[in-house]
Amino acid sequence: MSTSSPSPAPTCPAPDDYAAWQRWVCLVGTTLIVTGDLHPERGRALAQLGRWVDHGATGIIDCRGEWTDEDFVAVAAPELDYRYVGTDDDGQGQDDEWFEAGYRHYLDLVADGGRAVVHCHMGINRGPSMAFALLLSEGWGITEALDAIAEARPIVGLIYAEDAVRWWGRRNGWTREQVHAGAAEVSRWHLTKGIDIAQVIRVIRQATRKELG
């Protein structure tokens, strides 16, 4: 019988290695994994699914409006409960219905101690913003949740985080002043800790073109 030690956990990429972060498994809290989408090459996508399962994933919340991997996952990893809440990343904001749909799916996925993978394409805006909304639903503070996501995944832009606060506030009967204050807290966070989203996207796209030829 082998007595070899288990392989060490992979070292996180450098904060400015944007392309490496795209599909990195980023744990936030106890019930969320935030990442990018599955690789277009089947072998690499299968390896990603394996890593998600190894990290305790029991379901997926896919936030992309441009694509779905539902059929692929159903065959490759049927143990993962796939939920689709696709939307565009057009910078025009996200409505309450989108966050509400993700929230309902999340409650289903973690009801029995599960862990949800929340992802979009690059894992910069839509997926992280949905994850932020889910942390709010778990009782996290606004800045606390933003910091946790950014620390776990340095490439997040979270441009729909203010929309998430408005959704959560309206859902819970906040006053207009409370909703405004929550959105302002997000805005202050972006001013002090926000990233150069355009640069991150540009580097990831360049790396993707080079990789795929």
N, C-alpha and C. Protein backbone atom coordinates (compact mmCIF):
# COMPACT_ATOMS: atom_id res chain seq x y z
N MET A 1 0.85 -1.19 0.00
CA MET A 1 0.00 0.00 0.00
C MET A 1 0.88 1.24 0.00
N SER A 2 0.53 2.22 -0.81
CA SER A 2 1.33 3.43 -0.93
C SER A 2 1.25 4.26 0.34
N THR A 3 2.40 4.82 0.73
CA THR A 3 2.44 5.70 1.90
C THR A 3 2.79 7.13 1.50
N SER A 4 2.68 7.41 0.19
CA SER A 4 3.03 8.74 -0.28
C SER A 4 2.06 9.77 0.26
N SER A 5 2.57 10.97 0.48
CA SER A 5 1.74 12.06 0.98
C SER A 5 0.85 12.60 -0.13
N PRO A 6 -0.31 13.16 0.23
CA PRO A 6 -1.17 13.74 -0.79
C PRO A 6 -0.51 14.94 -1.44
N SER A 7 -0.91 15.22 -2.68
CA SER A 7 -0.33 16.36 -3.38
C SER A 7 -0.69 17.65 -2.66
N PRO A 8 0.27 18.59 -2.57
CA PRO A 8 -0.03 19.85 -1.91
C PRO A 8 -1.07 20.64 -2.70
N ALA A 9 -1.83 21.46 -2.00
CA ALA A 9 -2.82 22.29 -2.68
C ALA A 9 -2.11 23.27 -3.61
N PRO A 10 -2.67 23.54 -4.79
CA PRO A 10 -2.02 24.47 -5.72
C PRO A 10 -1.94 25.86 -5.13
N THR A 11 -0.87 26.55 -5.46
CA THR A 11 -0.67 27.91 -4.98
C THR A 11 -1.53 28.88 -5.78
N CYS A 12 -2.16 29.81 -5.10
CA CYS A 12 -2.99 30.80 -5.78
C CYS A 12 -2.14 31.61 -6.77
N PRO A 13 -2.73 32.03 -7.89
CA PRO A 13 -1.99 32.89 -8.82
C PRO A 13 -1.64 34.23 -8.16
N ALA A 14 -0.67 34.89 -8.75
CA ALA A 14 -0.37 36.25 -8.30
C ALA A 14 -1.59 37.13 -8.57
N PRO A 15 -1.82 38.14 -7.74
CA PRO A 15 -3.02 38.98 -7.92
C PRO A 15 -3.15 39.59 -9.31
N ASP A 16 -2.03 39.86 -9.98
CA ASP A 16 -2.09 40.48 -11.31
C ASP A 16 -2.01 39.46 -12.44
N ASP A 17 -2.08 38.17 -12.12
CA ASP A 17 -2.10 37.13 -13.16
C ASP A 17 -3.56 36.88 -13.53
N TYR A 18 -4.13 37.86 -14.22
CA TYR A 18 -5.57 37.87 -14.44
C TYR A 18 -6.09 36.63 -15.16
N ALA A 19 -5.37 36.19 -16.18
CA ALA A 19 -5.84 35.05 -16.95
C ALA A 19 -5.91 33.79 -16.10
N ALA A 20 -4.95 33.62 -15.18
CA ALA A 20 -4.96 32.43 -14.32
C ALA A 20 -6.15 32.44 -13.37
N TRP A 21 -6.61 33.63 -13.01
CA TRP A 21 -7.73 33.73 -12.07
C TRP A 21 -9.07 33.42 -12.73
N GLN A 22 -9.14 33.51 -14.06
CA GLN A 22 -10.45 33.38 -14.70
C GLN A 22 -11.20 32.13 -14.24
N ARG A 23 -10.54 30.99 -14.25
CA ARG A 23 -11.21 29.73 -13.91
C ARG A 23 -10.70 29.14 -12.58
N TRP A 24 -10.10 29.98 -11.76
CA TRP A 24 -9.63 29.53 -10.46
C TRP A 24 -10.82 29.32 -9.52
N VAL A 25 -10.75 28.27 -8.72
CA VAL A 25 -11.81 27.99 -7.75
C VAL A 25 -11.61 28.89 -6.53
N CYS A 26 -12.53 29.81 -6.32
CA CYS A 26 -12.43 30.79 -5.24
C CYS A 26 -13.54 30.54 -4.22
N LEU A 27 -13.17 30.11 -3.03
CA LEU A 27 -14.12 29.84 -1.97
C LEU A 27 -14.44 31.13 -1.22
N VAL A 28 -15.73 31.41 -1.03
CA VAL A 28 -16.17 32.58 -0.28
C VAL A 28 -17.17 32.09 0.77
N GLY A 29 -16.84 32.31 2.02
CA GLY A 29 -17.69 31.77 3.07
C GLY A 29 -17.66 30.25 3.06
N THR A 30 -18.75 29.64 3.46
CA THR A 30 -18.80 28.17 3.54
C THR A 30 -19.64 27.54 2.44
N THR A 31 -20.42 28.34 1.72
CA THR A 31 -21.37 27.75 0.78
C THR A 31 -21.23 28.24 -0.65
N LEU A 32 -20.21 29.05 -0.93
CA LEU A 32 -20.08 29.64 -2.26
C LEU A 32 -18.71 29.40 -2.88
N ILE A 33 -18.72 29.06 -4.16
CA ILE A 33 -17.52 29.04 -4.99
C ILE A 33 -17.77 30.03 -6.12
N VAL A 34 -16.87 30.98 -6.30
CA VAL A 34 -17.00 31.97 -7.36
C VAL A 34 -15.88 31.73 -8.37
N THR A 35 -16.23 31.66 -9.64
CA THR A 35 -15.24 31.35 -10.66
C THR A 35 -15.74 31.79 -12.02
N GLY A 36 -14.95 31.45 -13.08
CA GLY A 36 -15.38 31.69 -14.44
C GLY A 36 -16.01 30.44 -15.02
N ASP A 37 -16.31 30.47 -16.32
CA ASP A 37 -17.05 29.37 -16.93
C ASP A 37 -16.15 28.18 -17.25
N LEU A 38 -16.77 27.13 -17.73
CA LEU A 38 -16.02 25.93 -18.13
C LEU A 38 -15.22 26.20 -19.39
N HIS A 39 -14.05 25.63 -19.46
CA HIS A 39 -13.17 25.80 -20.62
C HIS A 39 -13.83 25.23 -21.87
N PRO A 40 -13.64 25.87 -23.03
CA PRO A 40 -14.26 25.33 -24.25
C PRO A 40 -13.72 23.98 -24.69
N GLU A 41 -12.51 23.61 -24.24
CA GLU A 41 -11.97 22.29 -24.57
C GLU A 41 -12.53 21.26 -23.59
N ARG A 42 -13.07 20.18 -24.12
CA ARG A 42 -13.79 19.20 -23.30
C ARG A 42 -12.93 18.65 -22.16
N GLY A 43 -11.69 18.30 -22.45
CA GLY A 43 -10.84 17.71 -21.41
C GLY A 43 -10.61 18.67 -20.26
N ARG A 44 -10.39 19.92 -20.57
CA ARG A 44 -10.16 20.90 -19.51
C ARG A 44 -11.46 21.20 -18.75
N ALA A 45 -12.56 21.18 -19.46
CA ALA A 45 -13.85 21.39 -18.79
C ALA A 45 -14.13 20.25 -17.82
N LEU A 46 -13.82 19.04 -18.22
CA LEU A 46 -14.02 17.89 -17.33
C LEU A 46 -13.15 18.01 -16.09
N ALA A 47 -11.91 18.47 -16.29
CA ALA A 47 -11.02 18.66 -15.14
C ALA A 47 -11.57 19.73 -14.20
N GLN A 48 -12.13 20.79 -14.76
CA GLN A 48 -12.73 21.83 -13.92
C GLN A 48 -13.89 21.28 -13.10
N LEU A 49 -14.76 20.52 -13.75
CA LEU A 49 -15.88 19.94 -13.02
C LEU A 49 -15.39 19.08 -11.87
N GLY A 50 -14.32 18.34 -12.13
CA GLY A 50 -13.74 17.51 -11.07
C GLY A 50 -13.25 18.35 -9.90
N ARG A 51 -12.64 19.50 -10.21
CA ARG A 51 -12.16 20.37 -9.13
C ARG A 51 -13.33 20.96 -8.35
N TRP A 52 -14.39 21.32 -9.07
CA TRP A 52 -15.57 21.86 -8.38
C TRP A 52 -16.13 20.83 -7.40
N VAL A 53 -16.25 19.60 -7.87
CA VAL A 53 -16.78 18.55 -6.99
C VAL A 53 -15.83 18.30 -5.83
N ASP A 54 -14.53 18.30 -6.11
CA ASP A 54 -13.55 18.10 -5.04
C ASP A 54 -13.64 19.18 -3.97
N HIS A 55 -14.07 20.37 -4.37
CA HIS A 55 -14.23 21.47 -3.42
C HIS A 55 -15.62 21.50 -2.79
N GLY A 56 -16.37 20.45 -2.96
CA GLY A 56 -17.65 20.33 -2.28
C GLY A 56 -18.86 20.85 -3.02
N ALA A 57 -18.70 21.20 -4.30
CA ALA A 57 -19.83 21.74 -5.05
C ALA A 57 -20.92 20.68 -5.22
N THR A 58 -22.15 21.11 -5.01
CA THR A 58 -23.31 20.24 -5.23
C THR A 58 -24.22 20.82 -6.30
N GLY A 59 -24.00 22.06 -6.69
CA GLY A 59 -24.83 22.68 -7.71
C GLY A 59 -24.14 23.86 -8.35
N ILE A 60 -24.71 24.33 -9.45
CA ILE A 60 -24.14 25.42 -10.25
C ILE A 60 -25.23 26.46 -10.51
N ILE A 61 -24.89 27.74 -10.33
CA ILE A 61 -25.74 28.83 -10.75
C ILE A 61 -25.00 29.56 -11.87
N ASP A 62 -25.45 29.38 -13.09
CA ASP A 62 -24.80 29.94 -14.28
C ASP A 62 -25.46 31.27 -14.62
N CYS A 63 -24.67 32.34 -14.58
CA CYS A 63 -25.20 33.69 -14.76
C CYS A 63 -25.00 34.24 -16.17
N ARG A 64 -24.55 33.44 -17.11
CA ARG A 64 -24.27 33.92 -18.46
C ARG A 64 -25.53 33.95 -19.33
N GLY A 65 -25.73 35.04 -20.03
CA GLY A 65 -26.82 35.09 -20.99
C GLY A 65 -26.44 34.55 -22.34
N GLU A 66 -25.12 34.44 -22.59
CA GLU A 66 -24.65 34.11 -23.94
C GLU A 66 -24.43 32.62 -24.17
N TRP A 67 -24.50 31.81 -23.14
CA TRP A 67 -24.20 30.39 -23.30
C TRP A 67 -24.72 29.61 -22.11
N THR A 68 -24.92 28.32 -22.32
CA THR A 68 -25.25 27.42 -21.22
C THR A 68 -24.53 26.09 -21.41
N ASP A 69 -24.07 25.51 -20.33
CA ASP A 69 -23.43 24.20 -20.36
C ASP A 69 -24.33 23.14 -19.73
N GLU A 70 -25.61 23.40 -19.68
CA GLU A 70 -26.52 22.50 -18.97
C GLU A 70 -26.48 21.08 -19.51
N ASP A 71 -26.52 20.92 -20.83
CA ASP A 71 -26.51 19.57 -21.41
C ASP A 71 -25.19 18.86 -21.14
N PHE A 72 -24.09 19.62 -21.26
CA PHE A 72 -22.77 19.02 -21.01
C PHE A 72 -22.64 18.55 -19.57
N VAL A 73 -23.04 19.39 -18.63
CA VAL A 73 -22.93 19.04 -17.21
C VAL A 73 -23.84 17.87 -16.87
N ALA A 74 -25.01 17.82 -17.49
CA ALA A 74 -25.95 16.73 -17.21
C ALA A 74 -25.34 15.37 -17.53
N VAL A 75 -24.47 15.32 -18.53
CA VAL A 75 -23.82 14.06 -18.92
C VAL A 75 -22.51 13.87 -18.15
N ALA A 76 -21.71 14.94 -18.06
CA ALA A 76 -20.36 14.83 -17.49
C ALA A 76 -20.36 14.77 -15.97
N ALA A 77 -21.29 15.46 -15.35
CA ALA A 77 -21.32 15.51 -13.88
C ALA A 77 -22.78 15.58 -13.41
N PRO A 78 -23.53 14.51 -13.61
CA PRO A 78 -24.96 14.53 -13.27
C PRO A 78 -25.25 14.76 -11.80
N GLU A 79 -24.24 14.60 -10.95
CA GLU A 79 -24.45 14.84 -9.53
C GLU A 79 -24.57 16.33 -9.21
N LEU A 80 -24.19 17.20 -10.15
CA LEU A 80 -24.28 18.64 -9.94
C LEU A 80 -25.64 19.15 -10.44
N ASP A 81 -26.32 19.84 -9.59
CA ASP A 81 -27.63 20.41 -9.90
C ASP A 81 -27.42 21.74 -10.61
N TYR A 82 -27.76 21.78 -11.89
CA TYR A 82 -27.46 22.94 -12.73
C TYR A 82 -28.65 23.89 -12.77
N ARG A 83 -28.42 25.15 -12.40
CA ARG A 83 -29.47 26.17 -12.43
C ARG A 83 -29.00 27.34 -13.31
N TYR A 84 -29.85 27.78 -14.22
CA TYR A 84 -29.48 28.81 -15.19
C TYR A 84 -30.24 30.11 -14.90
N VAL A 85 -29.50 31.19 -14.73
CA VAL A 85 -30.09 32.53 -14.55
C VAL A 85 -29.34 33.51 -15.46
N GLY A 86 -29.33 33.20 -16.74
CA GLY A 86 -28.53 33.97 -17.68
C GLY A 86 -28.96 35.42 -17.83
N THR A 87 -27.96 36.28 -17.95
CA THR A 87 -28.20 37.71 -18.18
C THR A 87 -27.01 38.29 -18.92
N ASP A 88 -27.21 39.45 -19.54
CA ASP A 88 -26.13 40.11 -20.27
C ASP A 88 -25.26 40.93 -19.32
N ASP A 89 -24.00 41.05 -19.67
CA ASP A 89 -23.06 41.90 -18.93
C ASP A 89 -22.87 43.18 -19.74
N ASP A 90 -23.93 44.00 -19.80
CA ASP A 90 -23.90 45.19 -20.64
C ASP A 90 -23.69 46.47 -19.85
N GLY A 91 -23.49 46.32 -18.53
CA GLY A 91 -23.25 47.50 -17.71
C GLY A 91 -24.48 48.34 -17.43
N GLN A 92 -25.66 47.87 -17.86
CA GLN A 92 -26.89 48.64 -17.70
C GLN A 92 -27.64 48.32 -16.41
N GLY A 93 -27.08 47.43 -15.61
CA GLY A 93 -27.72 47.09 -14.35
C GLY A 93 -28.47 45.78 -14.43
N GLN A 94 -28.80 45.23 -13.27
CA GLN A 94 -29.56 43.98 -13.16
C GLN A 94 -30.81 44.24 -12.33
N ASP A 95 -31.92 43.64 -12.74
CA ASP A 95 -33.17 43.90 -12.04
C ASP A 95 -33.37 42.96 -10.86
N ASP A 96 -34.38 43.28 -10.06
CA ASP A 96 -34.66 42.49 -8.87
C ASP A 96 -34.98 41.04 -9.21
N GLU A 97 -35.64 40.82 -10.34
CA GLU A 97 -36.05 39.46 -10.70
C GLU A 97 -34.85 38.55 -10.91
N TRP A 98 -33.77 39.10 -11.44
CA TRP A 98 -32.57 38.29 -11.66
C TRP A 98 -31.96 37.85 -10.34
N PHE A 99 -31.81 38.79 -9.42
CA PHE A 99 -31.27 38.43 -8.11
C PHE A 99 -32.21 37.47 -7.38
N GLU A 100 -33.51 37.69 -7.50
CA GLU A 100 -34.47 36.84 -6.81
C GLU A 100 -34.39 35.40 -7.34
N ALA A 101 -34.24 35.25 -8.65
CA ALA A 101 -34.13 33.91 -9.22
C ALA A 101 -32.88 33.21 -8.71
N GLY A 102 -31.75 33.92 -8.69
CA GLY A 102 -30.52 33.32 -8.18
C GLY A 102 -30.64 32.96 -6.71
N TYR A 103 -31.29 33.81 -5.96
CA TYR A 103 -31.49 33.57 -4.53
C TYR A 103 -32.32 32.31 -4.30
N ARG A 104 -33.40 32.15 -5.03
CA ARG A 104 -34.26 30.97 -4.86
C ARG A 104 -33.49 29.69 -5.21
N HIS A 105 -32.71 29.74 -6.30
CA HIS A 105 -31.92 28.57 -6.67
C HIS A 105 -30.88 28.27 -5.58
N TYR A 106 -30.27 29.31 -5.07
CA TYR A 106 -29.25 29.14 -4.04
C TYR A 106 -29.83 28.46 -2.80
N LEU A 107 -31.01 28.88 -2.37
CA LEU A 107 -31.63 28.26 -1.21
C LEU A 107 -31.85 26.77 -1.45
N ASP A 108 -32.26 26.41 -2.64
CA ASP A 108 -32.44 24.99 -2.97
C ASP A 108 -31.12 24.23 -2.91
N LEU A 109 -30.07 24.83 -3.46
CA LEU A 109 -28.80 24.13 -3.59
C LEU A 109 -28.10 23.91 -2.26
N VAL A 110 -28.28 24.82 -1.32
CA VAL A 110 -27.56 24.71 -0.05
C VAL A 110 -28.45 24.23 1.09
N ALA A 111 -29.69 23.88 0.77
CA ALA A 111 -30.64 23.50 1.82
C ALA A 111 -30.16 22.34 2.67
N ASP A 112 -29.48 21.39 2.06
CA ASP A 112 -29.03 20.20 2.78
C ASP A 112 -27.52 20.19 2.98
N GLY A 113 -26.96 21.38 3.18
CA GLY A 113 -25.53 21.46 3.42
C GLY A 113 -24.70 21.50 2.16
N GLY A 114 -25.29 21.88 1.04
CA GLY A 114 -24.55 21.92 -0.22
C GLY A 114 -23.71 23.16 -0.38
N ARG A 115 -22.97 23.20 -1.48
CA ARG A 115 -22.15 24.36 -1.82
C ARG A 115 -22.38 24.68 -3.29
N ALA A 116 -22.62 25.94 -3.60
CA ALA A 116 -22.97 26.36 -4.95
C ALA A 116 -21.80 27.02 -5.67
N VAL A 117 -21.58 26.62 -6.92
CA VAL A 117 -20.67 27.33 -7.81
C VAL A 117 -21.47 28.44 -8.48
N VAL A 118 -21.03 29.67 -8.34
CA VAL A 118 -21.68 30.80 -8.99
C VAL A 118 -20.69 31.36 -10.01
N HIS A 119 -21.09 31.35 -11.28
CA HIS A 119 -20.12 31.80 -12.29
C HIS A 119 -20.82 32.50 -13.45
N CYS A 120 -20.02 33.30 -14.16
CA CYS A 120 -20.45 33.88 -15.43
C CYS A 120 -19.40 33.46 -16.47
N HIS A 121 -18.93 34.35 -17.30
CA HIS A 121 -17.90 33.96 -18.27
C HIS A 121 -16.50 34.12 -17.68
N MET A 122 -16.14 35.34 -17.35
CA MET A 122 -14.81 35.59 -16.79
C MET A 122 -14.80 35.60 -15.28
N GLY A 123 -15.96 35.66 -14.66
CA GLY A 123 -16.01 35.73 -13.20
C GLY A 123 -15.60 37.09 -12.67
N ILE A 124 -16.01 38.14 -13.39
CA ILE A 124 -15.64 39.50 -13.01
C ILE A 124 -16.85 40.28 -12.47
N ASN A 125 -17.97 40.24 -13.18
CA ASN A 125 -19.10 41.08 -12.80
C ASN A 125 -20.36 40.31 -12.40
N ARG A 126 -20.93 39.55 -13.34
CA ARG A 126 -22.23 38.95 -13.07
C ARG A 126 -22.18 37.91 -11.95
N GLY A 127 -21.30 36.93 -12.07
CA GLY A 127 -21.19 35.90 -11.05
C GLY A 127 -20.84 36.47 -9.68
N PRO A 128 -19.79 37.29 -9.59
CA PRO A 128 -19.45 37.88 -8.29
C PRO A 128 -20.56 38.76 -7.72
N SER A 129 -21.28 39.50 -8.58
CA SER A 129 -22.37 40.34 -8.08
C SER A 129 -23.50 39.48 -7.53
N MET A 130 -23.79 38.36 -8.19
CA MET A 130 -24.79 37.44 -7.65
C MET A 130 -24.31 36.85 -6.34
N ALA A 131 -23.04 36.47 -6.28
CA ALA A 131 -22.50 35.92 -5.03
C ALA A 131 -22.60 36.95 -3.90
N PHE A 132 -22.34 38.22 -4.22
CA PHE A 132 -22.47 39.28 -3.22
C PHE A 132 -23.91 39.35 -2.70
N ALA A 133 -24.88 39.28 -3.60
CA ALA A 133 -26.28 39.30 -3.18
C ALA A 133 -26.59 38.12 -2.26
N LEU A 134 -26.02 36.97 -2.56
CA LEU A 134 -26.27 35.79 -1.74
C LEU A 134 -25.63 35.92 -0.36
N LEU A 135 -24.47 36.57 -0.30
CA LEU A 135 -23.87 36.83 1.01
C LEU A 135 -24.74 37.78 1.84
N LEU A 136 -25.30 38.79 1.17
CA LEU A 136 -26.22 39.68 1.89
C LEU A 136 -27.38 38.88 2.47
N SER A 137 -27.87 37.92 1.70
CA SER A 137 -28.99 37.10 2.18
C SER A 137 -28.60 36.23 3.36
N GLU A 138 -27.30 35.99 3.52
CA GLU A 138 -26.81 35.19 4.64
C GLU A 138 -26.51 36.05 5.87
N GLY A 139 -26.74 37.34 5.75
CA GLY A 139 -26.53 38.22 6.89
C GLY A 139 -25.20 38.95 6.91
N TRP A 140 -24.42 38.84 5.84
CA TRP A 140 -23.15 39.55 5.78
C TRP A 140 -23.40 41.05 5.63
N GLY A 141 -22.49 41.85 6.18
CA GLY A 141 -22.52 43.28 5.95
C GLY A 141 -22.06 43.61 4.54
N ILE A 142 -22.40 44.80 4.07
CA ILE A 142 -22.09 45.17 2.69
C ILE A 142 -20.59 45.18 2.43
N THR A 143 -19.84 45.97 3.18
CA THR A 143 -18.39 46.04 2.97
C THR A 143 -17.73 44.71 3.30
N GLU A 144 -18.21 44.03 4.31
CA GLU A 144 -17.67 42.72 4.69
C GLU A 144 -17.78 41.74 3.53
N ALA A 145 -18.94 41.72 2.87
CA ALA A 145 -19.15 40.79 1.76
C ALA A 145 -18.30 41.17 0.55
N LEU A 146 -18.24 42.46 0.25
CA LEU A 146 -17.42 42.91 -0.88
C LEU A 146 -15.95 42.55 -0.65
N ASP A 147 -15.46 42.80 0.55
CA ASP A 147 -14.06 42.48 0.86
C ASP A 147 -13.80 40.99 0.74
N ALA A 148 -14.72 40.17 1.22
CA ALA A 148 -14.52 38.73 1.19
C ALA A 148 -14.41 38.22 -0.23
N ILE A 149 -15.26 38.71 -1.12
CA ILE A 149 -15.22 38.27 -2.51
C ILE A 149 -13.93 38.75 -3.18
N ALA A 150 -13.57 40.00 -2.96
CA ALA A 150 -12.36 40.55 -3.59
C ALA A 150 -11.09 39.90 -3.07
N GLU A 151 -11.07 39.54 -1.79
CA GLU A 151 -9.90 38.87 -1.24
C GLU A 151 -9.76 37.45 -1.80
N ALA A 152 -10.88 36.78 -1.99
CA ALA A 152 -10.84 35.43 -2.54
C ALA A 152 -10.55 35.43 -4.03
N ARG A 153 -10.97 36.52 -4.72
CA ARG A 153 -10.87 36.59 -6.17
C ARG A 153 -10.51 38.02 -6.58
N PRO A 154 -9.23 38.32 -6.71
CA PRO A 154 -8.79 39.70 -6.91
C PRO A 154 -9.24 40.36 -8.21
N ILE A 155 -9.77 39.60 -9.18
CA ILE A 155 -10.14 40.20 -10.46
C ILE A 155 -11.60 40.64 -10.52
N VAL A 156 -12.32 40.61 -9.40
CA VAL A 156 -13.74 40.94 -9.48
C VAL A 156 -13.96 42.44 -9.69
N GLY A 157 -14.96 42.74 -10.53
CA GLY A 157 -15.37 44.12 -10.76
C GLY A 157 -16.62 44.47 -9.98
N LEU A 158 -17.55 43.50 -9.87
CA LEU A 158 -18.75 43.68 -9.03
C LEU A 158 -19.55 44.92 -9.41
N ILE A 159 -19.71 45.18 -10.71
CA ILE A 159 -20.37 46.41 -11.11
C ILE A 159 -21.88 46.39 -10.84
N TYR A 160 -22.43 45.21 -10.53
CA TYR A 160 -23.85 45.15 -10.23
C TYR A 160 -24.13 45.02 -8.73
N ALA A 161 -23.13 45.32 -7.92
CA ALA A 161 -23.30 45.18 -6.47
C ALA A 161 -24.31 46.19 -5.92
N GLU A 162 -24.34 47.40 -6.47
CA GLU A 162 -25.34 48.37 -6.02
C GLU A 162 -26.74 47.87 -6.32
N ASP A 163 -26.93 47.24 -7.49
CA ASP A 163 -28.24 46.66 -7.82
C ASP A 163 -28.61 45.57 -6.82
N ALA A 164 -27.62 44.81 -6.39
CA ALA A 164 -27.88 43.75 -5.41
C ALA A 164 -28.36 44.34 -4.09
N VAL A 165 -27.73 45.43 -3.66
CA VAL A 165 -28.14 46.09 -2.41
C VAL A 165 -29.58 46.60 -2.54
N ARG A 166 -29.89 47.20 -3.68
CA ARG A 166 -31.25 47.71 -3.87
C ARG A 166 -32.27 46.58 -3.84
N TRP A 167 -31.93 45.45 -4.50
CA TRP A 167 -32.82 44.28 -4.45
C TRP A 167 -33.04 43.82 -3.02
N TRP A 168 -31.96 43.64 -2.28
CA TRP A 168 -32.07 43.13 -0.92
C TRP A 168 -32.81 44.10 -0.01
N GLY A 169 -32.54 45.39 -0.21
CA GLY A 169 -33.22 46.39 0.60
C GLY A 169 -34.71 46.43 0.33
N ARG A 170 -35.08 46.43 -0.94
CA ARG A 170 -36.51 46.45 -1.26
C ARG A 170 -37.20 45.18 -0.78
N ARG A 171 -36.49 44.06 -0.89
CA ARG A 171 -37.07 42.78 -0.47
C ARG A 171 -37.35 42.77 1.03
N ASN A 172 -36.57 43.52 1.78
CA ASN A 172 -36.67 43.50 3.23
C ASN A 172 -37.28 44.76 3.82
N GLY A 173 -37.90 45.56 2.96
CA GLY A 173 -38.62 46.71 3.45
C GLY A 173 -37.78 47.85 3.95
N TRP A 174 -36.56 47.99 3.44
CA TRP A 174 -35.74 49.12 3.84
C TRP A 174 -36.40 50.43 3.40
N THR A 175 -36.14 51.48 4.11
CA THR A 175 -36.59 52.80 3.68
C THR A 175 -35.75 53.25 2.49
N ARG A 176 -36.24 54.26 1.80
CA ARG A 176 -35.48 54.81 0.67
C ARG A 176 -34.11 55.29 1.13
N GLU A 177 -34.07 55.87 2.30
CA GLU A 177 -32.80 56.37 2.84
C GLU A 177 -31.83 55.21 3.13
N GLN A 178 -32.35 54.10 3.65
CA GLN A 178 -31.50 52.95 3.93
C GLN A 178 -30.95 52.34 2.64
N VAL A 179 -31.80 52.25 1.63
CA VAL A 179 -31.34 51.72 0.34
C VAL A 179 -30.27 52.63 -0.24
N HIS A 180 -30.50 53.93 -0.19
CA HIS A 180 -29.52 54.90 -0.71
C HIS A 180 -28.20 54.78 0.04
N ALA A 181 -28.28 54.62 1.35
CA ALA A 181 -27.05 54.51 2.15
C ALA A 181 -26.29 53.24 1.80
N GLY A 182 -27.02 52.14 1.58
CA GLY A 182 -26.36 50.89 1.20
C GLY A 182 -25.67 50.99 -0.13
N ALA A 183 -26.35 51.61 -1.12
CA ALA A 183 -25.74 51.79 -2.43
C ALA A 183 -24.52 52.70 -2.34
N ALA A 184 -24.60 53.72 -1.49
CA ALA A 184 -23.46 54.63 -1.31
C ALA A 184 -22.28 53.90 -0.69
N GLU A 185 -22.53 52.95 0.19
CA GLU A 185 -21.45 52.17 0.79
C GLU A 185 -20.73 51.35 -0.28
N VAL A 186 -21.49 50.79 -1.22
CA VAL A 186 -20.87 50.07 -2.34
C VAL A 186 -20.04 51.02 -3.18
N SER A 187 -20.58 52.19 -3.46
CA SER A 187 -19.87 53.17 -4.29
C SER A 187 -18.55 53.57 -3.64
N ARG A 188 -18.55 53.78 -2.34
CA ARG A 188 -17.30 54.14 -1.64
C ARG A 188 -16.30 53.00 -1.73
N TRP A 189 -16.78 51.78 -1.62
CA TRP A 189 -15.89 50.62 -1.71
C TRP A 189 -15.22 50.59 -3.08
N HIS A 190 -16.00 50.83 -4.13
CA HIS A 190 -15.42 50.83 -5.48
C HIS A 190 -14.36 51.92 -5.62
N LEU A 191 -14.58 53.06 -5.01
CA LEU A 191 -13.62 54.16 -5.13
C LEU A 191 -12.28 53.82 -4.49
N THR A 192 -12.33 53.05 -3.41
CA THR A 192 -11.09 52.76 -2.67
C THR A 192 -10.46 51.42 -3.05
N LYS A 193 -11.28 50.48 -3.50
CA LYS A 193 -10.75 49.13 -3.73
C LYS A 193 -11.08 48.57 -5.11
N GLY A 194 -11.70 49.36 -5.95
CA GLY A 194 -12.07 48.88 -7.28
C GLY A 194 -10.85 48.61 -8.16
N ILE A 195 -11.04 47.78 -9.16
CA ILE A 195 -9.97 47.41 -10.07
C ILE A 195 -10.17 48.08 -11.43
N ASP A 196 -9.15 47.97 -12.28
CA ASP A 196 -9.25 48.44 -13.66
C ASP A 196 -9.88 47.31 -14.47
N ILE A 197 -11.21 47.30 -14.54
CA ILE A 197 -11.92 46.19 -15.18
C ILE A 197 -11.52 46.04 -16.64
N ALA A 198 -11.40 47.14 -17.36
CA ALA A 198 -11.06 47.07 -18.78
C ALA A 198 -9.72 46.38 -18.99
N GLN A 199 -8.75 46.68 -18.13
CA GLN A 199 -7.43 46.05 -18.24
C GLN A 199 -7.51 44.56 -17.96
N VAL A 200 -8.27 44.18 -16.94
CA VAL A 200 -8.42 42.75 -16.61
C VAL A 200 -9.04 42.00 -17.78
N ILE A 201 -10.11 42.53 -18.34
CA ILE A 201 -10.78 41.88 -19.46
C ILE A 201 -9.85 41.79 -20.66
N ARG A 202 -9.11 42.86 -20.93
CA ARG A 202 -8.20 42.88 -22.08
C ARG A 202 -7.14 41.79 -21.94
N VAL A 203 -6.56 41.64 -20.76
CA VAL A 203 -5.52 40.63 -20.55
C VAL A 203 -6.09 39.22 -20.70
N ILE A 204 -7.26 38.99 -20.15
CA ILE A 204 -7.87 37.66 -20.26
C ILE A 204 -8.20 37.33 -21.71
N ARG A 205 -8.72 38.29 -22.45
CA ARG A 205 -9.04 38.05 -23.86
C ARG A 205 -7.79 37.77 -24.67
N GLN A 206 -6.73 38.51 -24.40
CA GLN A 206 -5.48 38.28 -25.12
C GLN A 206 -4.94 36.88 -24.83
N ALA A 207 -5.00 36.47 -23.57
CA ALA A 207 -4.53 35.14 -23.20
C ALA A 207 -5.38 34.06 -23.84
N THR A 208 -6.69 34.28 -23.93
CA THR A 208 -7.59 33.30 -24.55
C THR A 208 -7.30 33.14 -26.03
N ARG A 209 -7.11 34.27 -26.73
CA ARG A 209 -6.80 34.20 -28.16
C ARG A 209 -5.49 33.46 -28.39
N LYS A 210 -4.51 33.73 -27.56
CA LYS A 210 -3.22 33.06 -27.71
C LYS A 210 -3.34 31.57 -27.45
N GLU A 211 -4.11 31.21 -26.42
CA GLU A 211 -4.26 29.81 -26.05
C GLU A 211 -4.99 29.02 -27.13
N LEU A 212 -6.05 29.59 -27.68
CA LEU A 212 -6.88 28.88 -28.65
C LEU A 212 -6.38 29.04 -30.08
N GLY A 213 -5.34 29.84 -30.25
CA GLY A 213 -4.76 30.00 -31.58
C GLY A 213 -5.58 30.90 -32.48
